[in-house]
Amino acid sequence: MTKIQSNEVYTTKEVQDYLKVSKSTIKRYLKKGIIKAKKVGGRYKILGKEILKLVSPEIEEKAKSKYLKIRTKVKDKIKDW
């Protein structure tokens, strides 16, 4: 497997292979906007930079910190009940 190029255009199948996820997971990512894509001729085309953003450690760290903040808020809210 070659290195993902940020300005290269990839198909959903290629992204599926790179990320090692199922077809339904790719569809869910597209539907929820986790991966941004353009539809060309009835098929999604995804820029490499979108894939790189998804697997970036910085993004993962941001998601983790957001999750911990939300979890703390929920715990505090429940504690008050």
N, C-alpha and C. Protein backbone atom coordinates (compact mmCIF):
# COMPACT_ATOMS: atom_id res chain seq x y z
N MET A 1 0.84 -1.17 0.00
CA MET A 1 0.00 0.00 0.00
C MET A 1 0.89 1.24 0.00
N THR A 2 0.58 2.20 -0.83
CA THR A 2 1.39 3.41 -0.95
C THR A 2 0.96 4.45 0.07
N LYS A 3 1.79 5.45 0.21
CA LYS A 3 1.52 6.54 1.14
C LYS A 3 0.36 7.38 0.61
N ILE A 4 -0.49 7.85 1.51
CA ILE A 4 -1.63 8.68 1.13
C ILE A 4 -1.12 10.09 0.80
N GLN A 5 -1.48 10.57 -0.37
CA GLN A 5 -1.09 11.90 -0.82
C GLN A 5 -2.24 12.87 -0.53
N SER A 6 -1.95 14.00 0.07
CA SER A 6 -3.00 14.91 0.51
C SER A 6 -3.84 15.48 -0.63
N ASN A 7 -3.26 15.68 -1.82
CA ASN A 7 -4.01 16.26 -2.93
C ASN A 7 -4.51 15.22 -3.93
N GLU A 8 -4.30 13.95 -3.64
CA GLU A 8 -4.76 12.86 -4.50
C GLU A 8 -6.25 12.61 -4.23
N VAL A 9 -6.96 12.14 -5.25
CA VAL A 9 -8.38 11.82 -5.12
C VAL A 9 -8.53 10.31 -5.00
N TYR A 10 -9.32 9.88 -4.00
CA TYR A 10 -9.51 8.46 -3.73
C TYR A 10 -10.98 8.08 -3.81
N THR A 11 -11.24 6.83 -4.15
CA THR A 11 -12.60 6.30 -4.16
C THR A 11 -12.94 5.76 -2.78
N THR A 12 -14.20 5.49 -2.55
CA THR A 12 -14.61 4.93 -1.26
C THR A 12 -13.95 3.57 -1.02
N LYS A 13 -13.79 2.80 -2.07
CA LYS A 13 -13.16 1.47 -1.96
C LYS A 13 -11.70 1.61 -1.53
N GLU A 14 -10.99 2.56 -2.11
CA GLU A 14 -9.59 2.78 -1.73
C GLU A 14 -9.48 3.24 -0.28
N VAL A 15 -10.37 4.13 0.13
CA VAL A 15 -10.37 4.61 1.51
C VAL A 15 -10.69 3.46 2.46
N GLN A 16 -11.64 2.65 2.06
CA GLN A 16 -12.01 1.46 2.84
C GLN A 16 -10.80 0.56 3.05
N ASP A 17 -10.04 0.35 2.00
CA ASP A 17 -8.85 -0.49 2.09
C ASP A 17 -7.76 0.14 2.97
N TYR A 18 -7.55 1.46 2.81
CA TYR A 18 -6.55 2.15 3.62
C TYR A 18 -6.88 2.09 5.10
N LEU A 19 -8.15 2.36 5.43
CA LEU A 19 -8.56 2.43 6.83
C LEU A 19 -8.90 1.07 7.43
N LYS A 20 -9.02 0.06 6.55
CA LYS A 20 -9.37 -1.30 6.98
C LYS A 20 -10.69 -1.32 7.75
N VAL A 21 -11.70 -0.70 7.12
CA VAL A 21 -13.05 -0.67 7.68
C VAL A 21 -14.03 -1.21 6.64
N SER A 22 -15.24 -1.49 7.09
CA SER A 22 -16.25 -2.04 6.19
C SER A 22 -16.87 -0.95 5.32
N LYS A 23 -17.60 -1.40 4.32
CA LYS A 23 -18.28 -0.49 3.40
C LYS A 23 -19.32 0.34 4.17
N SER A 24 -20.01 -0.28 5.10
CA SER A 24 -21.03 0.43 5.87
C SER A 24 -20.40 1.51 6.77
N THR A 25 -19.19 1.26 7.26
CA THR A 25 -18.50 2.26 8.08
C THR A 25 -18.15 3.48 7.25
N ILE A 26 -17.68 3.25 6.03
CA ILE A 26 -17.36 4.37 5.13
C ILE A 26 -18.63 5.17 4.85
N LYS A 27 -19.73 4.48 4.58
CA LYS A 27 -21.01 5.17 4.33
C LYS A 27 -21.41 6.01 5.54
N ARG A 28 -21.25 5.45 6.74
CA ARG A 28 -21.60 6.16 7.97
C ARG A 28 -20.70 7.40 8.13
N TYR A 29 -19.39 7.26 7.88
CA TYR A 29 -18.48 8.39 7.96
C TYR A 29 -18.89 9.50 6.99
N LEU A 30 -19.29 9.13 5.79
CA LEU A 30 -19.71 10.11 4.80
C LEU A 30 -21.02 10.79 5.24
N LYS A 31 -21.95 10.00 5.70
CA LYS A 31 -23.26 10.52 6.10
C LYS A 31 -23.15 11.48 7.28
N LYS A 32 -22.28 11.15 8.24
CA LYS A 32 -22.12 11.98 9.43
C LYS A 32 -21.15 13.14 9.22
N GLY A 33 -20.49 13.17 8.07
CA GLY A 33 -19.56 14.25 7.78
C GLY A 33 -18.19 14.06 8.41
N ILE A 34 -17.91 12.87 8.89
CA ILE A 34 -16.59 12.59 9.46
C ILE A 34 -15.55 12.65 8.36
N ILE A 35 -15.91 12.14 7.20
CA ILE A 35 -15.09 12.27 6.00
C ILE A 35 -15.87 13.12 5.01
N LYS A 36 -15.27 14.19 4.55
CA LYS A 36 -15.93 15.05 3.56
C LYS A 36 -15.57 14.55 2.18
N ALA A 37 -16.58 14.55 1.30
CA ALA A 37 -16.36 14.04 -0.06
C ALA A 37 -17.28 14.78 -1.02
N LYS A 38 -16.99 14.65 -2.28
CA LYS A 38 -17.82 15.19 -3.36
C LYS A 38 -18.34 14.04 -4.18
N LYS A 39 -19.57 14.17 -4.63
CA LYS A 39 -20.14 13.14 -5.47
C LYS A 39 -19.92 13.53 -6.93
N VAL A 40 -19.27 12.65 -7.66
CA VAL A 40 -18.97 12.89 -9.07
C VAL A 40 -19.48 11.68 -9.85
N GLY A 41 -20.43 11.91 -10.72
CA GLY A 41 -20.97 10.81 -11.52
C GLY A 41 -21.62 9.73 -10.68
N GLY A 42 -22.23 10.11 -9.57
CA GLY A 42 -22.90 9.14 -8.72
C GLY A 42 -21.99 8.40 -7.76
N ARG A 43 -20.70 8.74 -7.74
CA ARG A 43 -19.75 8.09 -6.84
C ARG A 43 -19.01 9.15 -6.03
N TYR A 44 -18.71 8.79 -4.80
CA TYR A 44 -17.98 9.72 -3.94
C TYR A 44 -16.50 9.73 -4.27
N LYS A 45 -15.94 10.92 -4.26
CA LYS A 45 -14.50 11.13 -4.43
C LYS A 45 -13.98 11.84 -3.19
N ILE A 46 -12.92 11.32 -2.61
CA ILE A 46 -12.42 11.80 -1.33
C ILE A 46 -10.97 12.26 -1.50
N LEU A 47 -10.68 13.46 -1.04
CA LEU A 47 -9.31 13.97 -1.09
C LEU A 47 -8.48 13.29 0.00
N GLY A 48 -7.22 13.08 -0.30
CA GLY A 48 -6.32 12.43 0.63
C GLY A 48 -6.20 13.16 1.96
N LYS A 49 -6.30 14.50 1.92
CA LYS A 49 -6.17 15.25 3.16
C LYS A 49 -7.31 14.93 4.14
N GLU A 50 -8.46 14.51 3.63
CA GLU A 50 -9.57 14.11 4.50
C GLU A 50 -9.24 12.80 5.23
N ILE A 51 -8.59 11.91 4.53
CA ILE A 51 -8.18 10.64 5.14
C ILE A 51 -7.10 10.91 6.19
N LEU A 52 -6.15 11.76 5.84
CA LEU A 52 -5.06 12.08 6.77
C LEU A 52 -5.59 12.76 8.02
N LYS A 53 -6.59 13.62 7.87
CA LYS A 53 -7.19 14.28 9.04
C LYS A 53 -7.81 13.25 9.97
N LEU A 54 -8.45 12.25 9.37
CA LEU A 54 -9.14 11.23 10.16
C LEU A 54 -8.18 10.39 10.99
N VAL A 55 -7.02 10.09 10.47
CA VAL A 55 -6.07 9.23 11.18
C VAL A 55 -4.98 10.02 11.92
N SER A 56 -5.10 11.32 11.94
CA SER A 56 -4.12 12.17 12.59
C SER A 56 -4.16 12.01 14.11
N PRO A 57 -3.01 11.84 14.74
CA PRO A 57 -2.98 11.74 16.21
C PRO A 57 -3.50 12.99 16.91
N GLU A 58 -3.32 14.16 16.27
CA GLU A 58 -3.81 15.41 16.86
C GLU A 58 -5.33 15.40 16.94
N ILE A 59 -5.97 14.91 15.90
CA ILE A 59 -7.43 14.84 15.88
C ILE A 59 -7.90 13.87 16.96
N GLU A 60 -7.21 12.76 17.08
CA GLU A 60 -7.58 11.76 18.09
C GLU A 60 -7.45 12.36 19.49
N GLU A 61 -6.42 13.12 19.72
CA GLU A 61 -6.21 13.75 21.04
C GLU A 61 -7.31 14.76 21.33
N LYS A 62 -7.71 15.55 20.31
CA LYS A 62 -8.79 16.51 20.49
C LYS A 62 -10.10 15.79 20.83
N ALA A 63 -10.37 14.72 20.11
CA ALA A 63 -11.59 13.95 20.35
C ALA A 63 -11.60 13.39 21.77
N LYS A 64 -10.45 12.90 22.21
CA LYS A 64 -10.34 12.33 23.56
C LYS A 64 -10.61 13.40 24.61
N SER A 65 -10.03 14.57 24.45
CA SER A 65 -10.22 15.63 25.44
C SER A 65 -11.68 16.10 25.46
N LYS A 66 -12.31 16.20 24.29
CA LYS A 66 -13.73 16.57 24.22
C LYS A 66 -14.58 15.54 24.94
N TYR A 67 -14.29 14.26 24.68
CA TYR A 67 -15.03 13.17 25.32
C TYR A 67 -14.91 13.26 26.84
N LEU A 68 -13.71 13.49 27.33
CA LEU A 68 -13.51 13.56 28.78
C LEU A 68 -14.24 14.75 29.39
N LYS A 69 -14.28 15.89 28.69
CA LYS A 69 -15.03 17.05 29.17
C LYS A 69 -16.52 16.74 29.27
N ILE A 70 -17.05 16.13 28.22
CA ILE A 70 -18.47 15.79 28.20
C ILE A 70 -18.78 14.79 29.29
N ARG A 71 -17.92 13.79 29.46
CA ARG A 71 -18.14 12.77 30.48
C ARG A 71 -18.16 13.40 31.88
N THR A 72 -17.28 14.34 32.12
CA THR A 72 -17.23 15.03 33.41
C THR A 72 -18.51 15.83 33.64
N LYS A 73 -18.98 16.53 32.61
CA LYS A 73 -20.22 17.30 32.73
C LYS A 73 -21.40 16.39 33.05
N VAL A 74 -21.47 15.25 32.36
CA VAL A 74 -22.57 14.31 32.59
C VAL A 74 -22.51 13.76 34.00
N LYS A 75 -21.32 13.41 34.46
CA LYS A 75 -21.16 12.90 35.83
C LYS A 75 -21.62 13.95 36.85
N ASP A 76 -21.22 15.20 36.65
CA ASP A 76 -21.61 16.28 37.56
C ASP A 76 -23.12 16.49 37.56
N LYS A 77 -23.70 16.41 36.39
CA LYS A 77 -25.16 16.59 36.26
C LYS A 77 -25.91 15.47 36.97
N ILE A 78 -25.45 14.24 36.78
CA ILE A 78 -26.09 13.08 37.40
C ILE A 78 -25.93 13.13 38.92
N LYS A 79 -24.78 13.58 39.37
CA LYS A 79 -24.50 13.66 40.80
C LYS A 79 -25.52 14.57 41.51
N ASP A 80 -25.95 15.64 40.80
CA ASP A 80 -26.91 16.59 41.37
C ASP A 80 -28.32 16.02 41.48
N TRP A 81 -28.60 14.95 40.80
CA TRP A 81 -29.96 14.38 40.84
C TRP A 81 -30.17 13.84 42.18
